[in-house]
Amino acid sequence: MKPLLAALAVATAAALGAGGCGSPGAQSQHGVGEVSDDAALTAKVKTAIATDVGARAASSINVETYRGVVELSGFVDNQETASRALAAAKKVSGIKSLKNDLRLKAS
């Protein structure tokens, strides 16, 4: 249970921190509701991935959301982790589109 709580804490902190990021130009094209919706979606995806692949593996996966389009990026240890992370993200409701840019670490 402790790894799950740690993963939830990491996902929540990342989502809250990401909500204030971006240039003023990017923020002006994004409505307040869209920013909070994207931040919530990012947190849900991060939590789903951390729950499925574990907090350690999830910490190397970046999740970015813009207007409901979620992009996964980063380096993972193996194809199974990448597949599980993608499958976990697909289960989250509210995603308009999912882009997979996960890469395998060099052996």
PDB file of N, CA and C in Angstrom:
ATOM      1  N   MET A   1       0.817  -1.191   0.000  1.00  0.00           N
ATOM      2  CA  MET A   1       0.000   0.000   0.000  1.00  0.00           C
ATOM      3  C   MET A   1       0.863   1.256   0.000  1.00  0.00           C
ATOM      4  N   LYS A   2       2.044   1.201   0.674  1.00  0.00           N
ATOM      5  CA  LYS A   2       2.905   2.377   0.716  1.00  0.00           C
ATOM      6  C   LYS A   2       3.373   2.806  -0.668  1.00  0.00           C
ATOM      7  N   PRO A   3       3.754   1.862  -1.583  1.00  0.00           N
ATOM      8  CA  PRO A   3       4.154   2.310  -2.918  1.00  0.00           C
ATOM      9  C   PRO A   3       3.019   3.027  -3.653  1.00  0.00           C
ATOM     10  N   LEU A   4       1.796   2.583  -3.454  1.00  0.00           N
ATOM     11  CA  LEU A   4       0.657   3.232  -4.102  1.00  0.00           C
ATOM     12  C   LEU A   4       0.481   4.650  -3.575  1.00  0.00           C
ATOM     13  N   LEU A   5       0.599   4.823  -2.259  1.00  0.00           N
ATOM     14  CA  LEU A   5       0.474   6.163  -1.690  1.00  0.00           C
ATOM     15  C   LEU A   5       1.592   7.069  -2.178  1.00  0.00           C
ATOM     16  N   ALA A   6       2.797   6.518  -2.286  1.00  0.00           N
ATOM     17  CA  ALA A   6       3.918   7.307  -2.799  1.00  0.00           C
ATOM     18  C   ALA A   6       3.662   7.712  -4.243  1.00  0.00           C
ATOM     19  N   ALA A   7       3.147   6.789  -5.037  1.00  0.00           N
ATOM     20  CA  ALA A   7       2.855   7.084  -6.439  1.00  0.00           C
ATOM     21  C   ALA A   7       1.778   8.160  -6.551  1.00  0.00           C
ATOM     22  N   LEU A   8       0.755   8.066  -5.712  1.00  0.00           N
ATOM     23  CA  LEU A   8      -0.304   9.071  -5.732  1.00  0.00           C
ATOM     24  C   LEU A   8       0.234  10.441  -5.334  1.00  0.00           C
ATOM     25  N   ALA A   9       1.117  10.469  -4.340  1.00  0.00           N
ATOM     26  CA  ALA A   9       1.706  11.737  -3.908  1.00  0.00           C
ATOM     27  C   ALA A   9       2.544  12.355  -5.017  1.00  0.00           C
ATOM     28  N   VAL A  10       3.338  11.524  -5.701  1.00  0.00           N
ATOM     29  CA  VAL A  10       4.170  12.013  -6.804  1.00  0.00           C
ATOM     30  C   VAL A  10       3.289  12.541  -7.934  1.00  0.00           C
ATOM     31  N   ALA A  11       2.257  11.797  -8.292  1.00  0.00           N
ATOM     32  CA  ALA A  11       1.374  12.209  -9.384  1.00  0.00           C
ATOM     33  C   ALA A  11       0.644  13.505  -9.049  1.00  0.00           C
ATOM     34  N   THR A  12       0.175  13.623  -7.823  1.00  0.00           N
ATOM     35  CA  THR A  12      -0.532  14.834  -7.415  1.00  0.00           C
ATOM     36  C   THR A  12       0.392  16.044  -7.419  1.00  0.00           C
ATOM     37  N   ALA A  13       1.594  15.866  -6.867  1.00  0.00           N
ATOM     38  CA  ALA A  13       2.558  16.969  -6.841  1.00  0.00           C
ATOM     39  C   ALA A  13       2.934  17.397  -8.252  1.00  0.00           C
ATOM     40  N   ALA A  14       3.136  16.430  -9.128  1.00  0.00           N
ATOM     41  CA  ALA A  14       3.502  16.750 -10.512  1.00  0.00           C
ATOM     42  C   ALA A  14       2.368  17.484 -11.219  1.00  0.00           C
ATOM     43  N   ALA A  15       1.153  17.037 -11.003  1.00  0.00           N
ATOM     44  CA  ALA A  15       0.010  17.684 -11.656  1.00  0.00           C
ATOM     45  C   ALA A  15      -0.192  19.103 -11.145  1.00  0.00           C
ATOM     46  N   LEU A  16      -0.041  19.289  -9.847  1.00  0.00           N
ATOM     47  CA  LEU A  16      -0.200  20.630  -9.292  1.00  0.00           C
ATOM     48  C   LEU A  16       0.921  21.545  -9.752  1.00  0.00           C
ATOM     49  N   GLY A  17       2.131  21.023  -9.824  1.00  0.00           N
ATOM     50  CA  GLY A  17       3.269  21.812 -10.292  1.00  0.00           C
ATOM     51  C   GLY A  17       3.148  22.148 -11.757  1.00  0.00           C
ATOM     52  N   ALA A  18       2.660  21.230 -12.553  1.00  0.00           N
ATOM     53  CA  ALA A  18       2.539  21.445 -13.997  1.00  0.00           C
ATOM     54  C   ALA A  18       1.447  22.456 -14.327  1.00  0.00           C
ATOM     55  N   GLY A  19       0.497  22.620 -13.453  1.00  0.00           N
ATOM     56  CA  GLY A  19      -0.591  23.556 -13.707  1.00  0.00           C
ATOM     57  C   GLY A  19      -0.122  24.993 -13.852  1.00  0.00           C
ATOM     58  N   GLY A  20       0.981  25.352 -13.211  1.00  0.00           N
ATOM     59  CA  GLY A  20       1.480  26.711 -13.287  1.00  0.00           C
ATOM     60  C   GLY A  20       2.552  26.904 -14.328  1.00  0.00           C
ATOM     61  N   CYS A  21       2.929  25.866 -15.046  1.00  0.00           N
ATOM     62  CA  CYS A  21       4.003  25.946 -16.023  1.00  0.00           C
ATOM     63  C   CYS A  21       3.494  26.452 -17.362  1.00  0.00           C
ATOM     64  N   GLY A  22       4.410  26.904 -18.175  1.00  0.00           N
ATOM     65  CA  GLY A  22       4.059  27.318 -19.529  1.00  0.00           C
ATOM     66  C   GLY A  22       4.258  28.801 -19.710  1.00  0.00           C
ATOM     67  N   SER A  23       4.372  29.190 -20.940  1.00  0.00           N
ATOM     68  CA  SER A  23       4.560  30.601 -21.252  1.00  0.00           C
ATOM     69  C   SER A  23       3.222  31.320 -21.198  1.00  0.00           C
ATOM     70  N   PRO A  24       3.255  32.634 -21.003  1.00  0.00           N
ATOM     71  CA  PRO A  24       1.992  33.372 -20.982  1.00  0.00           C
ATOM     72  C   PRO A  24       1.202  33.204 -22.270  1.00  0.00           C
ATOM     73  N   GLY A  25       1.887  33.081 -23.410  1.00  0.00           N
ATOM     74  CA  GLY A  25       1.193  32.884 -24.679  1.00  0.00           C
ATOM     75  C   GLY A  25       0.419  31.585 -24.697  1.00  0.00           C
ATOM     76  N   ALA A  26       1.029  30.534 -24.152  1.00  0.00           N
ATOM     77  CA  ALA A  26       0.354  29.240 -24.117  1.00  0.00           C
ATOM     78  C   ALA A  26      -0.853  29.300 -23.189  1.00  0.00           C
ATOM     79  N   GLN A  27      -0.713  30.009 -22.076  1.00  0.00           N
ATOM     80  CA  GLN A  27      -1.809  30.109 -21.129  1.00  0.00           C
ATOM     81  C   GLN A  27      -2.985  30.887 -21.719  1.00  0.00           C
ATOM     82  N   SER A  28      -2.711  31.895 -22.531  1.00  0.00           N
ATOM     83  CA  SER A  28      -3.798  32.707 -23.059  1.00  0.00           C
ATOM     84  C   SER A  28      -4.651  31.936 -24.061  1.00  0.00           C
ATOM     85  N   GLN A  29      -4.105  30.912 -24.681  1.00  0.00           N
ATOM     86  CA  GLN A  29      -4.867  30.108 -25.624  1.00  0.00           C
ATOM     87  C   GLN A  29      -5.621  28.982 -24.927  1.00  0.00           C
ATOM     88  N   HIS A  30      -5.360  28.801 -23.684  1.00  0.00           N
ATOM     89  CA  HIS A  30      -5.935  27.744 -22.871  1.00  0.00           C
ATOM     90  C   HIS A  30      -6.891  28.395 -21.874  1.00  0.00           C
ATOM     91  N   GLY A  31      -8.134  27.999 -21.859  1.00  0.00           N
ATOM     92  CA  GLY A  31      -9.047  28.533 -20.865  1.00  0.00           C
ATOM     93  C   GLY A  31      -8.731  27.960 -19.495  1.00  0.00           C
ATOM     94  N   VAL A  32      -9.177  28.619 -18.439  1.00  0.00           N
ATOM     95  CA  VAL A  32      -8.917  28.162 -17.080  1.00  0.00           C
ATOM     96  C   VAL A  32      -9.451  26.756 -16.873  1.00  0.00           C
ATOM     97  N   GLY A  33     -10.638  26.490 -17.370  1.00  0.00           N
ATOM     98  CA  GLY A  33     -11.219  25.153 -17.232  1.00  0.00           C
ATOM     99  C   GLY A  33     -10.408  24.100 -17.950  1.00  0.00           C
ATOM    100  N   GLU A  34      -9.866  24.461 -19.125  1.00  0.00           N
ATOM    101  CA  GLU A  34      -9.049  23.508 -19.884  1.00  0.00           C
ATOM    102  C   GLU A  34      -7.766  23.172 -19.147  1.00  0.00           C
ATOM    103  N   VAL A  35      -7.135  24.179 -18.539  1.00  0.00           N
ATOM    104  CA  VAL A  35      -5.891  23.948 -17.803  1.00  0.00           C
ATOM    105  C   VAL A  35      -6.148  23.004 -16.644  1.00  0.00           C
ATOM    106  N   SER A  36      -7.214  23.249 -15.879  1.00  0.00           N
ATOM    107  CA  SER A  36      -7.493  22.380 -14.744  1.00  0.00           C
ATOM    108  C   SER A  36      -7.922  20.990 -15.203  1.00  0.00           C
ATOM    109  N   ASP A  37      -8.666  20.906 -16.312  1.00  0.00           N
ATOM    110  CA  ASP A  37      -9.041  19.597 -16.849  1.00  0.00           C
ATOM    111  C   ASP A  37      -7.801  18.823 -17.288  1.00  0.00           C
ATOM    112  N   ASP A  38      -6.876  19.504 -17.964  1.00  0.00           N
ATOM    113  CA  ASP A  38      -5.645  18.852 -18.409  1.00  0.00           C
ATOM    114  C   ASP A  38      -4.806  18.400 -17.222  1.00  0.00           C
ATOM    115  N   ALA A  39      -4.718  19.233 -16.187  1.00  0.00           N
ATOM    116  CA  ALA A  39      -3.942  18.866 -14.997  1.00  0.00           C
ATOM    117  C   ALA A  39      -4.559  17.651 -14.309  1.00  0.00           C
ATOM    118  N   ALA A  40      -5.878  17.628 -14.226  1.00  0.00           N
ATOM    119  CA  ALA A  40      -6.558  16.490 -13.604  1.00  0.00           C
ATOM    120  C   ALA A  40      -6.354  15.223 -14.426  1.00  0.00           C
ATOM    121  N   LEU A  41      -6.431  15.349 -15.733  1.00  0.00           N
ATOM    122  CA  LEU A  41      -6.228  14.201 -16.615  1.00  0.00           C
ATOM    123  C   LEU A  41      -4.798  13.678 -16.487  1.00  0.00           C
ATOM    124  N   THR A  42      -3.831  14.588 -16.433  1.00  0.00           N
ATOM    125  CA  THR A  42      -2.432  14.198 -16.250  1.00  0.00           C
ATOM    126  C   THR A  42      -2.264  13.423 -14.950  1.00  0.00           C
ATOM    127  N   ALA A  43      -2.858  13.920 -13.874  1.00  0.00           N
ATOM    128  CA  ALA A  43      -2.758  13.247 -12.578  1.00  0.00           C
ATOM    129  C   ALA A  43      -3.383  11.856 -12.622  1.00  0.00           C
ATOM    130  N   LYS A  44      -4.538  11.730 -13.277  1.00  0.00           N
ATOM    131  CA  LYS A  44      -5.195  10.423 -13.382  1.00  0.00           C
ATOM    132  C   LYS A  44      -4.335   9.434 -14.163  1.00  0.00           C
ATOM    133  N   VAL A  45      -3.739   9.900 -15.258  1.00  0.00           N
ATOM    134  CA  VAL A  45      -2.901   9.019 -16.079  1.00  0.00           C
ATOM    135  C   VAL A  45      -1.655   8.608 -15.302  1.00  0.00           C
ATOM    136  N   LYS A  46      -1.006   9.566 -14.621  1.00  0.00           N
ATOM    137  CA  LYS A  46       0.191   9.249 -13.839  1.00  0.00           C
ATOM    138  C   LYS A  46      -0.136   8.236 -12.744  1.00  0.00           C
ATOM    139  N   THR A  47      -1.268   8.417 -12.090  1.00  0.00           N
ATOM    140  CA  THR A  47      -1.675   7.491 -11.035  1.00  0.00           C
ATOM    141  C   THR A  47      -1.950   6.103 -11.605  1.00  0.00           C
ATOM    142  N   ALA A  48      -2.637   6.043 -12.732  1.00  0.00           N
ATOM    143  CA  ALA A  48      -2.935   4.748 -13.360  1.00  0.00           C
ATOM    144  C   ALA A  48      -1.652   4.026 -13.747  1.00  0.00           C
ATOM    145  N   ILE A  49      -0.700   4.759 -14.305  1.00  0.00           N
ATOM    146  CA  ILE A  49       0.569   4.149 -14.711  1.00  0.00           C
ATOM    147  C   ILE A  49       1.346   3.682 -13.488  1.00  0.00           C
ATOM    148  N   ALA A  50       1.428   4.532 -12.456  1.00  0.00           N
ATOM    149  CA  ALA A  50       2.165   4.163 -11.246  1.00  0.00           C
ATOM    150  C   ALA A  50       1.550   2.945 -10.574  1.00  0.00           C
ATOM    151  N   THR A  51       0.239   2.856 -10.591  1.00  0.00           N
ATOM    152  CA  THR A  51      -0.447   1.709  -9.995  1.00  0.00           C
ATOM    153  C   THR A  51      -0.125   0.431 -10.757  1.00  0.00           C
ATOM    154  N   ASP A  52      -0.032   0.529 -12.066  1.00  0.00           N
ATOM    155  CA  ASP A  52       0.192  -0.655 -12.898  1.00  0.00           C
ATOM    156  C   ASP A  52       1.658  -1.070 -12.979  1.00  0.00           C
ATOM    157  N   VAL A  53       2.549  -0.119 -13.248  1.00  0.00           N
ATOM    158  CA  VAL A  53       3.962  -0.489 -13.459  1.00  0.00           C
ATOM    159  C   VAL A  53       4.828  -0.256 -12.235  1.00  0.00           C
ATOM    160  N   GLY A  54       4.310   0.428 -11.226  1.00  0.00           N
ATOM    161  CA  GLY A  54       5.081   0.714 -10.023  1.00  0.00           C
ATOM    162  C   GLY A  54       5.656   2.119 -10.055  1.00  0.00           C
ATOM    163  N   ALA A  55       5.883   2.664  -8.868  1.00  0.00           N
ATOM    164  CA  ALA A  55       6.342   4.050  -8.748  1.00  0.00           C
ATOM    165  C   ALA A  55       7.712   4.262  -9.373  1.00  0.00           C
ATOM    166  N   ARG A  56       8.623   3.303  -9.220  1.00  0.00           N
ATOM    167  CA  ARG A  56       9.978   3.462  -9.752  1.00  0.00           C
ATOM    168  C   ARG A  56       9.955   3.582 -11.267  1.00  0.00           C
ATOM    169  N   ALA A  57       9.287   2.655 -11.930  1.00  0.00           N
ATOM    170  CA  ALA A  57       9.214   2.688 -13.395  1.00  0.00           C
ATOM    171  C   ALA A  57       8.420   3.905 -13.869  1.00  0.00           C
ATOM    172  N   ALA A  58       7.366   4.245 -13.147  1.00  0.00           N
ATOM    173  CA  ALA A  58       6.527   5.379 -13.542  1.00  0.00           C
ATOM    174  C   ALA A  58       7.265   6.705 -13.428  1.00  0.00           C
ATOM    175  N   SER A  59       8.251   6.769 -12.542  1.00  0.00           N
ATOM    176  CA  SER A  59       8.975   8.029 -12.358  1.00  0.00           C
ATOM    177  C   SER A  59       9.786   8.420 -13.592  1.00  0.00           C
ATOM    178  N   SER A  60      10.058   7.469 -14.486  1.00  0.00           N
ATOM    179  CA  SER A  60      10.811   7.788 -15.706  1.00  0.00           C
ATOM    180  C   SER A  60       9.882   8.049 -16.898  1.00  0.00           C
ATOM    181  N   ILE A  61       8.577   8.026 -16.657  1.00  0.00           N
ATOM    182  CA  ILE A  61       7.601   8.270 -17.725  1.00  0.00           C
ATOM    183  C   ILE A  61       6.999   9.659 -17.537  1.00  0.00           C
ATOM    184  N   ASN A  62       7.150  10.487 -18.552  1.00  0.00           N
ATOM    185  CA  ASN A  62       6.578  11.835 -18.531  1.00  0.00           C
ATOM    186  C   ASN A  62       5.176  11.790 -19.136  1.00  0.00           C
ATOM    187  N   VAL A  63       4.265  12.508 -18.513  1.00  0.00           N
ATOM    188  CA  VAL A  63       2.897  12.601 -19.018  1.00  0.00           C
ATOM    189  C   VAL A  63       2.572  14.078 -19.198  1.00  0.00           C
ATOM    190  N   GLU A  64       2.227  14.459 -20.413  1.00  0.00           N
ATOM    191  CA  GLU A  64       1.837  15.835 -20.704  1.00  0.00           C
ATOM    192  C   GLU A  64       0.470  15.818 -21.377  1.00  0.00           C
ATOM    193  N   THR A  65      -0.358  16.775 -21.010  1.00  0.00           N
ATOM    194  CA  THR A  65      -1.706  16.846 -21.571  1.00  0.00           C
ATOM    195  C   THR A  65      -1.981  18.256 -22.071  1.00  0.00           C
ATOM    196  N   TYR A  66      -2.535  18.347 -23.260  1.00  0.00           N
ATOM    197  CA  TYR A  66      -2.947  19.631 -23.828  1.00  0.00           C
ATOM    198  C   TYR A  66      -4.275  19.428 -24.536  1.00  0.00           C
ATOM    199  N   ARG A  67      -5.299  20.079 -24.008  1.00  0.00           N
ATOM    200  CA  ARG A  67      -6.650  19.984 -24.565  1.00  0.00           C
ATOM    201  C   ARG A  67      -7.125  18.541 -24.724  1.00  0.00           C
ATOM    202  N   GLY A  68      -6.842  17.729 -23.715  1.00  0.00           N
ATOM    203  CA  GLY A  68      -7.307  16.350 -23.715  1.00  0.00           C
ATOM    204  C   GLY A  68      -6.434  15.368 -24.465  1.00  0.00           C
ATOM    205  N   VAL A  69      -5.397  15.871 -25.134  1.00  0.00           N
ATOM    206  CA  VAL A  69      -4.459  14.995 -25.846  1.00  0.00           C
ATOM    207  C   VAL A  69      -3.308  14.686 -24.895  1.00  0.00           C
ATOM    208  N   VAL A  70      -3.139  13.418 -24.572  1.00  0.00           N
ATOM    209  CA  VAL A  70      -2.128  12.980 -23.616  1.00  0.00           C
ATOM    210  C   VAL A  70      -0.944  12.392 -24.369  1.00  0.00           C
ATOM    211  N   GLU A  71       0.260  12.807 -23.968  1.00  0.00           N
ATOM    212  CA  GLU A  71       1.480  12.270 -24.573  1.00  0.00           C
ATOM    213  C   GLU A  71       2.340  11.630 -23.493  1.00  0.00           C
ATOM    214  N   LEU A  72       2.716  10.379 -23.740  1.00  0.00           N
ATOM    215  CA  LEU A  72       3.640   9.667 -22.861  1.00  0.00           C
ATOM    216  C   LEU A  72       5.018   9.727 -23.497  1.00  0.00           C
ATOM    217  N   SER A  73       6.027  10.068 -22.706  1.00  0.00           N
ATOM    218  CA  SER A  73       7.389  10.090 -23.219  1.00  0.00           C
ATOM    219  C   SER A  73       8.342   9.672 -22.108  1.00  0.00           C
ATOM    220  N   GLY A  74       9.580   9.417 -22.495  1.00  0.00           N
ATOM    221  CA  GLY A  74      10.589   9.002 -21.532  1.00  0.00           C
ATOM    222  C   GLY A  74      11.174   7.664 -21.920  1.00  0.00           C
ATOM    223  N   PHE A  75      12.049   7.169 -21.053  1.00  0.00           N
ATOM    224  CA  PHE A  75      12.745   5.917 -21.315  1.00  0.00           C
ATOM    225  C   PHE A  75      12.332   4.871 -20.289  1.00  0.00           C
ATOM    226  N   VAL A  76      12.026   3.671 -20.778  1.00  0.00           N
ATOM    227  CA  VAL A  76      11.630   2.556 -19.915  1.00  0.00           C
ATOM    228  C   VAL A  76      12.607   1.402 -20.094  1.00  0.00           C
ATOM    229  N   ASP A  77      12.629   0.512 -19.107  1.00  0.00           N
ATOM    230  CA  ASP A  77      13.586  -0.596 -19.116  1.00  0.00           C
ATOM    231  C   ASP A  77      13.301  -1.642 -20.183  1.00  0.00           C
ATOM    232  N   ASN A  78      12.025  -1.895 -20.460  1.00  0.00           N
ATOM    233  CA  ASN A  78      11.696  -2.962 -21.410  1.00  0.00           C
ATOM    234  C   ASN A  78      10.343  -2.694 -22.075  1.00  0.00           C
ATOM    235  N   GLN A  79      10.066  -3.483 -23.108  1.00  0.00           N
ATOM    236  CA  GLN A  79       8.834  -3.307 -23.880  1.00  0.00           C
ATOM    237  C   GLN A  79       7.597  -3.602 -23.043  1.00  0.00           C
ATOM    238  N   GLU A  80       7.709  -4.550 -22.118  1.00  0.00           N
ATOM    239  CA  GLU A  80       6.563  -4.886 -21.270  1.00  0.00           C
ATOM    240  C   GLU A  80       6.121  -3.674 -20.444  1.00  0.00           C
ATOM    241  N   THR A  81       7.085  -2.952 -19.884  1.00  0.00           N
ATOM    242  CA  THR A  81       6.759  -1.757 -19.103  1.00  0.00           C
ATOM    243  C   THR A  81       6.084  -0.712 -19.981  1.00  0.00           C
ATOM    244  N   ALA A  82       6.601  -0.517 -21.192  1.00  0.00           N
ATOM    245  CA  ALA A  82       6.006   0.448 -22.121  1.00  0.00           C
ATOM    246  C   ALA A  82       4.574   0.043 -22.463  1.00  0.00           C
ATOM    247  N   SER A  83       4.372  -1.224 -22.738  1.00  0.00           N
ATOM    248  CA  SER A  83       3.037  -1.717 -23.099  1.00  0.00           C
ATOM    249  C   SER A  83       2.057  -1.580 -21.940  1.00  0.00           C
ATOM    250  N   ARG A  84       2.517  -1.909 -20.739  1.00  0.00           N
ATOM    251  CA  ARG A  84       1.651  -1.806 -19.564  1.00  0.00           C
ATOM    252  C   ARG A  84       1.295  -0.353 -19.260  1.00  0.00           C
ATOM    253  N   ALA A  85       2.276   0.549 -19.421  1.00  0.00           N
ATOM    254  CA  ALA A  85       2.015   1.975 -19.184  1.00  0.00           C
ATOM    255  C   ALA A  85       0.989   2.498 -20.184  1.00  0.00           C
ATOM    256  N   LEU A  86       1.146   2.124 -21.437  1.00  0.00           N
ATOM    257  CA  LEU A  86       0.212   2.553 -22.477  1.00  0.00           C
ATOM    258  C   LEU A  86      -1.185   1.993 -22.207  1.00  0.00           C
ATOM    259  N   ALA A  87      -1.258   0.731 -21.836  1.00  0.00           N
ATOM    260  CA  ALA A  87      -2.550   0.105 -21.540  1.00  0.00           C
ATOM    261  C   ALA A  87      -3.224   0.781 -20.343  1.00  0.00           C
ATOM    262  N   ALA A  88      -2.438   1.117 -19.323  1.00  0.00           N
ATOM    263  CA  ALA A  88      -2.994   1.790 -18.143  1.00  0.00           C
ATOM    264  C   ALA A  88      -3.539   3.162 -18.518  1.00  0.00           C
ATOM    265  N   ALA A  89      -2.806   3.888 -19.356  1.00  0.00           N
ATOM    266  CA  ALA A  89      -3.255   5.217 -19.783  1.00  0.00           C
ATOM    267  C   ALA A  89      -4.543   5.124 -20.597  1.00  0.00           C
ATOM    268  N   LYS A  90      -4.651   4.115 -21.442  1.00  0.00           N
ATOM    269  CA  LYS A  90      -5.839   3.957 -22.288  1.00  0.00           C
ATOM    270  C   LYS A  90      -7.109   3.733 -21.474  1.00  0.00           C
ATOM    271  N   LYS A  91      -6.971   3.234 -20.256  1.00  0.00           N
ATOM    272  CA  LYS A  91      -8.129   2.962 -19.407  1.00  0.00           C
ATOM    273  C   LYS A  91      -8.702   4.226 -18.767  1.00  0.00           C
ATOM    274  N   VAL A  92      -7.940   5.323 -18.787  1.00  0.00           N
ATOM    275  CA  VAL A  92      -8.384   6.563 -18.151  1.00  0.00           C
ATOM    276  C   VAL A  92      -9.422   7.244 -19.044  1.00  0.00           C
ATOM    277  N   SER A  93     -10.557   7.572 -18.467  1.00  0.00           N
ATOM    278  CA  SER A  93     -11.608   8.224 -19.256  1.00  0.00           C
ATOM    279  C   SER A  93     -11.310   9.713 -19.415  1.00  0.00           C
ATOM    280  N   GLY A  94     -11.772  10.264 -20.521  1.00  0.00           N
ATOM    281  CA  GLY A  94     -11.599  11.685 -20.775  1.00  0.00           C
ATOM    282  C   GLY A  94     -10.478  12.022 -21.734  1.00  0.00           C
ATOM    283  N   ILE A  95      -9.698  11.019 -22.145  1.00  0.00           N
ATOM    284  CA  ILE A  95      -8.598  11.259 -23.076  1.00  0.00           C
ATOM    285  C   ILE A  95      -9.165  11.337 -24.490  1.00  0.00           C
ATOM    286  N   LYS A  96      -8.858  12.427 -25.195  1.00  0.00           N
ATOM    287  CA  LYS A  96      -9.307  12.575 -26.582  1.00  0.00           C
ATOM    288  C   LYS A  96      -8.394  11.810 -27.526  1.00  0.00           C
ATOM    289  N   SER A  97      -7.100  11.839 -27.231  1.00  0.00           N
ATOM    290  CA  SER A  97      -6.106  11.163 -28.061  1.00  0.00           C
ATOM    291  C   SER A  97      -4.913  10.830 -27.181  1.00  0.00           C
ATOM    292  N   LEU A  98      -4.232   9.737 -27.499  1.00  0.00           N
ATOM    293  CA  LEU A  98      -3.076   9.299 -26.712  1.00  0.00           C
ATOM    294  C   LEU A  98      -1.890   9.095 -27.636  1.00  0.00           C
ATOM    295  N   LYS A  99      -0.812   9.825 -27.377  1.00  0.00           N
ATOM    296  CA  LYS A  99       0.411   9.701 -28.171  1.00  0.00           C
ATOM    297  C   LYS A  99       1.447   8.955 -27.348  1.00  0.00           C
ATOM    298  N   ASN A 100       2.060   7.955 -27.956  1.00  0.00           N
ATOM    299  CA  ASN A 100       3.066   7.149 -27.270  1.00  0.00           C
ATOM    300  C   ASN A 100       4.447   7.462 -27.833  1.00  0.00           C
ATOM    301  N   ASP A 101       5.273   8.112 -27.028  1.00  0.00           N
ATOM    302  CA  ASP A 101       6.647   8.404 -27.418  1.00  0.00           C
ATOM    303  C   ASP A 101       7.610   7.780 -26.414  1.00  0.00           C
ATOM    304  N   LEU A 102       7.216   6.649 -25.833  1.00  0.00           N
ATOM    305  CA  LEU A 102       8.089   5.946 -24.895  1.00  0.00           C
ATOM    306  C   LEU A 102       9.189   5.239 -25.669  1.00  0.00           C
ATOM    307  N   ARG A 103      10.390   5.269 -25.129  1.00  0.00           N
ATOM    308  CA  ARG A 103      11.557   4.650 -25.763  1.00  0.00           C
ATOM    309  C   ARG A 103      12.195   3.666 -24.795  1.00  0.00           C
ATOM    310  N   LEU A 104      12.807   2.636 -25.367  1.00  0.00           N
ATOM    311  CA  LEU A 104      13.529   1.661 -24.552  1.00  0.00           C
ATOM    312  C   LEU A 104      14.916   2.193 -24.231  1.00  0.00           C
ATOM    313  N   LYS A 105      15.353   1.989 -22.978  1.00  0.00           N
ATOM    314  CA  LYS A 105      16.710   2.363 -22.591  1.00  0.00           C
ATOM    315  C   LYS A 105      17.687   1.473 -23.335  1.00  0.00           C
ATOM    316  N   ALA A 106      18.828   2.020 -23.670  1.00  0.00           N
ATOM    317  CA  ALA A 106      19.864   1.229 -24.340  1.00  0.00           C
ATOM    318  C   ALA A 106      20.405   0.196 -23.363  1.00  0.00           C
ATOM    319  N   SER A 107      20.638  -1.003 -23.862  1.00  0.00           N
ATOM    320  CA  SER A 107      21.124  -2.092 -23.000  1.00  0.00           C
ATOM    321  C   SER A 107      22.587  -1.952 -22.709  1.00  0.00           C
TER     322      SER A 107
END
